[in-house]
């Protein structure tokens, strides 16, 4: 039986079009309410969407890359993505919850414990999208360091070396977080009232990491969570982000615009895996697409044109901007999966309208997920990972037995 493509939805404010909050279907007075976010995620869950990602940043939204603007005609302000995921976890039961948590300026210890807590709250449905902050105005919120201004034109032209230090730091952050997630072995908690032993200290381990950017010692304060290792997903556009995904992530979101670019990006991702010596399961690769859905191509184009007119310019996106019918979107999804993609991450231009269109028209045509198990890892076909310290102890024990037998 052919596995259904992975379908994720990226949630951001009133939608991914800057003028979405002015659409008649929008709910701008509720953007900062629990009900709004609960409604969105519950709609996605009823549609059998595999997981949602929730956008976040350390500064206000902006129409320019890594710099602030003074626009007042677009949504500004947001709730914390990790906390959104935590408060929708109890009102959902199957859908994966993948908040964006920034690696720059944020302590790995806090990232690790927050995501572990989400994994407990959701009973194993947590994930994490690490994101860099390359903006001086975001660094100013913390006052501990400065970051160099990125030459955006050079970056878009392919000069990505200027961002390498940030990605190297992000790689260390993910490594430390993963070590902290493993710092309690699965059976570290004893709860033996008769002997008075609540934990076995020999099964709690320090992260013990010293890198170029980060030094962390000691264990997490949160026991190992249901998934052990929540899934990590990276958004990539160039070689350096692909390398971060290859060394540190389980999934990668990419932004192809046509079939030729789709094939070349997939080849770049696989090449990054080879260069970095990735072991085990290959990355799951999902194509990002910004979507305006209507019943006819003409209606979809008209809807996009109205939004663009209200915005004062066409929407600018790193991803393909798709304005069409459910049937056309299904064709696009099938074209990507035929090329070797594992699925798509859909960015609804208008929330909740385009999410509801997906739920009513697109997901039923794709069929229900046939995944067994209740965790996000199980839903996406990932095995539950063995704790690194348990595995190391088992390997050491096996080696010792072999030496004894040899003696």
Protein backbone atom coordinates (compact mmCIF):
# COMPACT_ATOMS: atom_id res chain seq x y z
CA UNK A 1 0.00 0.00 0.00
CA UNK A 2 1.39 3.41 -1.00
CA UNK A 3 1.88 5.70 1.97
CA UNK A 4 -0.01 8.98 1.83
CA UNK A 5 2.26 12.00 1.37
CA UNK A 6 3.07 13.85 4.57
CA UNK A 7 0.87 16.93 4.81
CA UNK A 8 1.88 19.75 7.13
CA UNK A 9 0.35 23.20 7.51
CA UNK A 10 2.32 26.28 8.54
CA UNK A 11 0.31 28.63 10.77
CA UNK A 12 1.20 32.29 11.00
CA UNK A 13 -1.09 35.04 12.27
CA UNK A 14 -3.97 35.76 9.88
CA UNK A 15 -2.23 33.89 7.07
CA UNK A 16 0.88 34.10 4.95
CA UNK A 17 -0.30 36.96 2.77
CA UNK A 18 0.50 40.29 4.48
CA UNK A 19 -3.02 41.58 3.72
CA UNK A 20 -4.79 38.43 4.92
CA UNK A 21 -6.09 40.15 8.07
CA UNK A 22 -8.24 42.38 5.82
CA UNK A 23 -9.94 39.45 4.09
CA UNK A 24 -13.67 39.13 4.99
CA UNK A 25 -13.03 35.63 6.35
CA UNK A 26 -10.27 36.77 8.73
CA UNK A 27 -10.61 37.07 12.52
CA UNK A 28 -8.15 39.89 13.32
CA UNK A 29 -9.71 40.66 16.71
CA UNK A 30 -8.93 37.10 17.84
CA UNK A 31 -5.31 36.70 16.70
CA UNK A 32 -4.08 36.85 20.29
CA UNK A 33 -6.73 34.57 21.75
CA UNK A 34 -6.57 30.94 22.79
CA UNK A 35 -9.81 30.21 20.93
CA UNK A 36 -8.39 31.34 17.59
CA UNK A 37 -5.38 29.04 17.78
CA UNK A 38 -7.36 26.14 19.19
CA UNK A 39 -9.85 26.48 16.31
CA UNK A 40 -7.07 26.46 13.70
CA UNK A 41 -5.29 23.40 15.08
CA UNK A 42 -8.52 21.50 15.70
CA UNK A 43 -9.60 22.20 12.11
CA UNK A 44 -6.26 20.83 10.91
CA UNK A 45 -6.63 17.76 13.12
CA UNK A 46 -10.16 17.00 11.89
CA UNK A 47 -8.77 17.15 8.35
CA UNK A 48 -6.16 14.52 9.30
CA UNK A 49 -3.25 16.87 8.62
CA UNK A 50 -0.09 15.25 10.00
CA UNK A 51 1.32 18.23 11.84
CA UNK A 52 1.24 22.00 12.08
CA UNK A 53 4.20 24.32 12.41
CA UNK A 54 3.80 27.62 14.26
CA UNK A 55 5.87 30.63 13.25
CA UNK A 56 7.81 32.77 15.71
CA UNK A 57 10.72 35.20 15.92
CA UNK A 58 12.52 37.35 18.46
CA UNK A 59 11.29 40.59 16.89
CA UNK A 60 8.18 42.02 15.30
CA UNK A 61 7.19 40.78 11.87
CA UNK A 62 8.74 42.75 9.04
CA UNK A 63 8.42 43.02 5.28
CA UNK A 64 12.20 43.01 4.85
CA UNK A 65 14.63 40.19 5.57
CA UNK A 66 16.44 40.51 8.93
CA UNK A 67 15.68 44.20 9.38
CA UNK A 68 12.79 46.13 10.93
CA UNK A 69 10.22 48.26 9.11
CA UNK A 70 7.66 50.89 10.12
CA UNK A 71 4.59 49.51 8.33
CA UNK A 72 1.31 49.73 10.20
CA UNK A 73 -0.91 48.12 7.55
CA UNK A 74 0.26 44.56 8.25
CA UNK A 75 -0.13 42.30 11.27
CA UNK A 76 2.47 43.02 13.93
CA UNK A 77 2.75 41.10 17.16
CA UNK A 78 2.30 37.41 17.92
CA UNK A 79 2.01 34.93 20.77
CA UNK A 80 4.92 32.66 21.72
CA UNK A 81 4.85 29.62 19.44
CA UNK A 82 5.96 27.09 22.05
CA UNK A 83 3.30 28.33 24.45
CA UNK A 84 0.64 28.20 21.71
CA UNK A 85 1.57 24.57 21.10
CA UNK A 86 1.39 23.86 24.82
CA UNK A 87 -2.08 25.31 25.28
CA UNK A 88 -3.55 23.56 22.22
CA UNK A 89 -1.98 20.21 23.16
CA UNK A 90 -4.73 19.24 25.67
CA UNK A 91 -7.54 20.05 23.19
CA UNK A 92 -6.07 17.88 20.42
CA UNK A 93 -5.17 14.20 20.34
CA UNK A 94 -3.51 13.16 17.06
CA UNK A 95 -1.92 16.10 15.23
CA UNK A 96 1.77 16.91 15.60
CA UNK A 97 2.72 20.29 17.09
CA UNK A 98 5.97 21.83 15.80
CA UNK A 99 6.67 25.33 17.15
CA UNK A 100 9.47 27.55 15.92
CA UNK A 101 12.01 28.24 18.68
CA UNK A 102 14.96 30.49 17.85
CA UNK A 103 18.45 29.12 18.50
CA UNK A 104 20.24 32.50 18.57
CA UNK A 105 20.07 34.18 22.01
CA UNK A 106 17.92 31.37 23.47
CA UNK A 107 19.61 29.05 25.98
CA UNK A 108 19.65 25.40 24.82
CA UNK A 109 18.61 24.30 28.32
CA UNK A 110 15.40 26.32 28.10
CA UNK A 111 14.73 25.08 24.56
CA UNK A 112 15.20 21.46 25.64
CA UNK A 113 13.02 21.60 28.74
CA UNK A 114 10.26 23.58 27.02
CA UNK A 115 10.00 21.09 24.18
CA UNK A 116 10.18 18.12 26.54
CA UNK A 117 7.31 19.62 28.51
CA UNK A 118 5.33 20.03 25.26
CA UNK A 119 6.04 16.38 24.44
CA UNK A 120 4.56 15.37 27.80
CA UNK A 121 1.58 17.73 27.43
CA UNK A 122 0.81 16.36 23.95
CA UNK A 123 1.61 12.72 24.83
CA UNK A 124 4.35 12.47 22.24
CA UNK A 125 3.31 14.87 19.47
CA UNK A 126 6.01 17.54 19.84
CA UNK A 127 8.51 18.70 17.25
CA UNK A 128 10.84 21.66 16.89
CA UNK A 129 11.72 24.01 14.07
CA UNK A 130 15.03 25.69 15.00
CA UNK A 131 15.38 29.15 13.50
CA UNK A 132 18.28 31.59 13.43
CA UNK A 133 18.11 35.27 14.27
CA UNK A 134 20.42 37.32 12.08
CA UNK A 135 18.92 40.68 12.95
CA UNK A 136 20.72 43.41 14.98
CA UNK A 137 17.38 44.77 16.27
CA UNK A 138 16.51 41.33 17.69
CA UNK A 139 19.93 41.05 19.34
CA UNK A 140 19.27 44.41 21.00
CA UNK A 141 16.35 42.85 22.90
CA UNK A 142 18.85 40.80 24.88
CA UNK A 143 21.84 43.14 25.17
CA UNK A 144 24.37 40.33 25.59
CA UNK A 145 25.89 40.31 22.13
CA UNK A 146 25.80 41.93 18.72
CA UNK A 147 25.35 40.22 15.39
CA UNK A 148 26.83 41.45 12.11
CA UNK A 149 24.45 42.98 9.58
CA UNK A 150 23.74 40.52 6.77
CA UNK A 151 24.24 41.74 3.21
CA UNK A 152 20.84 40.55 1.99
CA UNK A 153 21.50 41.23 -1.69
CA UNK A 154 24.71 39.21 -1.58
CA UNK A 155 22.95 36.45 0.35
CA UNK A 156 20.16 36.21 -2.22
CA UNK A 157 22.81 36.17 -4.95
CA UNK A 158 24.36 33.07 -3.40
CA UNK A 159 26.97 34.43 -0.97
CA UNK A 160 25.95 32.32 2.01
CA UNK A 161 29.32 32.16 3.81
CA UNK A 162 28.38 35.25 5.84
CA UNK A 163 25.67 33.23 7.60
CA UNK A 164 27.81 30.17 8.30
CA UNK A 165 28.75 31.17 11.88
CA UNK A 166 25.07 31.40 12.80
CA UNK A 167 24.37 27.97 11.35
CA UNK A 168 27.42 26.51 13.08
CA UNK A 169 26.05 27.86 16.35
CA UNK A 170 22.61 26.42 15.55
CA UNK A 171 24.20 23.01 14.96
CA UNK A 172 25.75 23.15 18.44
CA UNK A 173 22.42 24.21 19.97
CA UNK A 174 20.60 21.27 18.40
CA UNK A 175 23.34 18.88 19.55
CA UNK A 176 23.12 20.14 23.13
CA UNK A 177 19.31 19.98 23.11
CA UNK A 178 19.42 16.40 21.84
CA UNK A 179 21.92 15.44 24.57
CA UNK A 180 19.67 17.02 27.20
CA UNK A 181 16.66 15.13 25.82
CA UNK A 182 18.62 11.90 26.38
CA UNK A 183 20.10 12.88 29.75
CA UNK A 184 17.54 10.82 31.68
CA UNK A 185 17.40 7.18 30.69
CA UNK A 186 13.91 5.72 30.30
CA UNK A 187 14.03 3.83 33.58
CA UNK A 188 15.78 6.52 35.65
CA UNK A 189 12.65 7.06 37.75
CA UNK A 190 12.13 4.25 40.29
CA UNK A 191 9.38 5.56 42.64
CA UNK A 192 10.13 2.89 45.25
CA UNK A 193 8.39 4.14 48.44
CA UNK A 194 9.69 1.26 50.57
CA UNK A 195 13.35 2.04 49.94
CA UNK A 196 12.80 5.78 49.59
CA UNK A 197 14.44 5.87 46.16
CA UNK A 198 12.62 8.06 43.64
CA UNK A 199 15.37 8.10 40.99
CA UNK A 200 18.44 6.11 40.03
CA UNK A 201 21.18 8.74 39.83
CA UNK A 202 23.40 6.44 37.77
CA UNK A 203 20.88 6.78 34.92
CA UNK A 204 20.92 10.57 34.79
CA UNK A 205 23.74 11.99 32.67
CA UNK A 206 25.16 15.44 31.99
CA UNK A 207 25.13 16.88 28.48
CA UNK A 208 28.86 17.67 28.88
CA UNK A 209 29.31 19.70 25.71
CA UNK A 210 32.01 22.24 24.94
CA UNK A 211 31.92 23.78 21.49
CA UNK A 212 33.04 26.91 19.72
CA UNK A 213 29.86 28.79 20.64
CA UNK A 214 28.30 26.90 23.55
CA UNK A 215 29.42 25.17 26.74
CA UNK A 216 26.83 23.18 28.70
CA UNK A 217 27.22 20.79 31.61
CA UNK A 218 24.59 18.92 33.58
CA UNK A 219 21.33 17.14 32.87
CA UNK A 220 17.86 18.30 31.98
CA UNK A 221 15.43 18.85 34.84
CA UNK A 222 12.72 17.09 32.79
CA UNK A 223 12.71 13.27 32.56
CA UNK A 224 12.91 11.69 29.12
CA UNK A 225 9.71 12.54 27.27
CA UNK A 226 7.37 10.15 25.39
CA UNK A 227 9.21 10.41 22.06
CA UNK A 228 12.66 10.51 23.59
CA UNK A 229 13.73 12.76 20.74
CA UNK A 230 10.98 15.05 19.39
CA UNK A 231 11.32 15.51 15.63
CA UNK A 232 13.50 18.38 14.43
CA UNK A 233 12.62 20.21 11.20
CA UNK A 234 14.74 22.82 9.39
CA UNK A 235 13.75 25.26 6.64
CA UNK A 236 16.48 25.45 4.00
CA UNK A 237 17.14 27.47 0.87
CA UNK A 238 20.87 27.02 0.22
CA UNK A 239 23.81 24.72 0.80
CA UNK A 240 24.59 25.78 4.39
CA UNK A 241 21.00 25.31 5.66
CA UNK A 242 20.86 21.96 3.83
CA UNK A 243 24.01 20.93 5.70
CA UNK A 244 22.44 21.92 9.02
CA UNK A 245 19.44 19.78 8.17
CA UNK A 246 21.66 16.87 7.15
CA UNK A 247 23.67 16.90 10.38
CA UNK A 248 20.97 17.85 12.86
CA UNK A 249 17.38 17.40 11.65
CA UNK A 250 14.84 14.72 10.79
CA UNK A 251 12.90 16.75 8.23
CA UNK A 252 13.74 19.62 5.91
CA UNK A 253 11.37 22.12 4.32
CA UNK A 254 12.52 23.42 0.92
CA UNK A 255 11.10 25.96 -1.52
CA UNK A 256 11.06 24.70 -5.15
CA UNK A 257 9.18 26.72 -7.78
CA UNK A 258 9.06 24.25 -10.69
CA UNK A 259 9.88 20.62 -11.49
CA UNK A 260 13.42 21.33 -12.63
CA UNK A 261 14.24 23.23 -9.45
CA UNK A 262 12.46 20.57 -7.40
CA UNK A 263 14.78 17.91 -8.77
CA UNK A 264 17.92 20.00 -8.32
CA UNK A 265 17.04 20.93 -4.72
CA UNK A 266 16.39 17.30 -3.83
CA UNK A 267 19.78 16.40 -5.33
CA UNK A 268 21.44 19.18 -3.27
CA UNK A 269 19.85 17.85 -0.08
CA UNK A 270 21.05 14.31 -0.77
CA UNK A 271 24.51 15.63 -1.64
CA UNK A 272 24.61 17.51 1.68
CA UNK A 273 23.77 14.25 3.46
CA UNK A 274 26.68 12.53 1.74
CA UNK A 275 29.18 15.35 2.41
CA UNK A 276 28.29 15.58 6.10
CA UNK A 277 28.36 11.81 6.60
CA UNK A 278 24.73 11.52 7.69
CA UNK A 279 24.02 8.07 9.11
CA UNK A 280 20.70 6.29 9.47
CA UNK A 281 17.43 7.39 7.99
CA UNK A 282 17.63 9.98 5.18
CA UNK A 283 15.99 13.35 5.67
CA UNK A 284 12.29 13.56 4.95
CA UNK A 285 11.98 16.37 2.40
CA UNK A 286 8.82 18.49 2.22
CA UNK A 287 8.11 21.20 -0.37
CA UNK A 288 6.73 24.49 0.94
CA UNK A 289 3.95 26.22 -1.00
CA UNK A 290 1.91 29.36 -0.24
CA UNK A 291 -1.68 28.62 -1.20
CA UNK A 292 -4.80 30.58 -2.22
CA UNK A 293 -7.59 28.06 -2.87
CA UNK A 294 -10.90 28.69 -4.64
CA UNK A 295 -13.31 26.59 -6.69
CA UNK A 296 -12.11 27.99 -10.04
CA UNK A 297 -8.74 29.25 -11.29
CA UNK A 298 -10.30 32.63 -12.05
CA UNK A 299 -11.67 33.02 -8.53
CA UNK A 300 -8.31 32.07 -6.99
CA UNK A 301 -6.40 34.54 -9.14
CA UNK A 302 -8.94 37.26 -8.35
CA UNK A 303 -8.62 36.57 -4.62
CA UNK A 304 -4.82 36.84 -4.81
CA UNK A 305 -5.05 40.04 -6.85
CA UNK A 306 -7.35 41.61 -4.25
CA UNK A 307 -4.89 40.78 -1.48
CA UNK A 308 -1.96 42.10 -3.51
CA UNK A 309 -3.84 45.34 -4.21
CA UNK A 310 -4.59 45.81 -0.52
CA UNK A 311 -0.93 45.16 0.27
CA UNK A 312 0.27 47.67 -2.30
CA UNK A 313 2.46 45.10 -4.08
CA UNK A 314 2.46 41.39 -5.02
CA UNK A 315 3.16 39.04 -2.15
CA UNK A 316 6.87 38.27 -1.83
CA UNK A 317 7.64 34.71 -0.80
CA UNK A 318 10.56 32.33 -0.79
CA UNK A 319 8.07 29.56 -1.60
CA UNK A 320 5.98 28.97 -4.69
CA UNK A 321 2.82 31.13 -4.63
CA UNK A 322 -0.05 28.93 -5.79
CA UNK A 323 -3.47 30.38 -6.64
CA UNK A 324 -5.77 27.71 -8.03
CA UNK A 325 -8.26 24.95 -7.42
CA UNK A 326 -8.04 21.94 -5.11
CA UNK A 327 -7.59 19.70 -8.16
CA UNK A 328 -4.64 21.78 -9.35
CA UNK A 329 -3.06 21.70 -5.89
CA UNK A 330 -3.45 17.92 -5.77
CA UNK A 331 -1.68 17.70 -9.14
CA UNK A 332 1.17 19.81 -7.74
CA UNK A 333 1.46 17.62 -4.64
CA UNK A 334 1.51 14.44 -6.71
CA UNK A 335 4.15 15.94 -9.04
CA UNK A 336 6.42 16.60 -6.06
CA UNK A 337 5.94 13.14 -4.58
CA UNK A 338 6.62 11.58 -7.99
CA UNK A 339 10.00 13.36 -7.95
CA UNK A 340 10.85 11.82 -4.57
CA UNK A 341 9.48 14.34 -2.07
CA UNK A 342 7.91 12.95 1.08
CA UNK A 343 5.16 15.54 1.12
CA UNK A 344 4.36 19.22 1.41
CA UNK A 345 4.08 21.98 3.99
CA UNK A 346 1.23 24.25 2.98
CA UNK A 347 1.27 27.91 3.96
CA UNK A 348 -2.36 29.13 3.85
CA UNK A 349 -2.46 32.67 2.43
CA UNK A 350 -5.63 33.39 4.44
CA UNK A 351 -6.53 31.99 7.83
CA UNK A 352 -8.85 30.38 8.51
CA UNK A 353 -10.27 30.36 4.94
CA UNK A 354 -7.55 28.50 3.05
CA UNK A 355 -7.11 26.03 5.91
CA UNK A 356 -10.82 25.27 5.75
CA UNK A 357 -10.60 24.87 1.97
CA UNK A 358 -7.80 22.36 2.48
CA UNK A 359 -9.87 20.49 5.06
CA UNK A 360 -12.99 20.38 2.88
CA UNK A 361 -11.52 19.79 -0.57
CA UNK A 362 -7.90 18.64 -0.62
CA UNK A 363 -7.34 16.30 2.33
CA UNK A 364 -10.39 14.09 1.59
CA UNK A 365 -8.97 13.42 -1.89
CA UNK A 366 -5.63 12.34 -0.40
CA UNK A 367 -7.26 9.88 2.00
CA UNK A 368 -6.73 9.29 5.69
CA UNK A 369 -3.30 8.62 7.11
CA UNK A 370 -2.61 4.91 7.58
CA UNK A 371 0.05 5.50 10.24
CA UNK A 372 -0.02 3.34 13.35
CA UNK A 373 0.78 4.74 16.76
CA UNK A 374 -0.02 7.95 18.57
CA UNK A 375 3.25 9.90 18.56
CA UNK A 376 4.41 12.27 15.83
CA UNK A 377 7.43 10.06 15.17
CA UNK A 378 5.16 7.04 14.66
CA UNK A 379 2.73 9.00 12.50
CA UNK A 380 5.54 9.97 10.12
CA UNK A 381 7.14 6.52 10.14
CA UNK A 382 10.10 7.29 12.41
CA UNK A 383 11.19 4.73 14.98
CA UNK A 384 11.39 5.70 18.64
CA UNK A 385 15.12 6.25 19.23
CA UNK A 386 17.16 4.41 21.81
CA UNK A 387 18.65 6.61 24.52
CA UNK A 388 22.31 7.26 23.67
CA UNK A 389 23.46 6.52 27.23
CA UNK A 390 21.49 3.28 27.42
CA UNK A 391 22.97 2.26 24.08
CA UNK A 392 26.49 3.18 25.23
CA UNK A 393 26.09 1.19 28.44
CA UNK A 394 24.81 -1.82 26.50
CA UNK A 395 27.74 -1.59 24.09
CA UNK A 396 30.21 -1.32 26.97
CA UNK A 397 28.64 -4.34 28.67
CA UNK A 398 28.83 -6.39 25.50
CA UNK A 399 32.48 -5.45 25.04
CA UNK A 400 33.27 -6.42 28.62
CA UNK A 401 31.61 -9.81 28.20
CA UNK A 402 33.55 -10.38 25.01
CA UNK A 403 36.82 -9.59 26.80
CA UNK A 404 35.96 -11.93 29.66
CA UNK A 405 35.18 -14.74 27.24
CA UNK A 406 38.42 -14.11 25.40
CA UNK A 407 40.36 -14.23 28.67
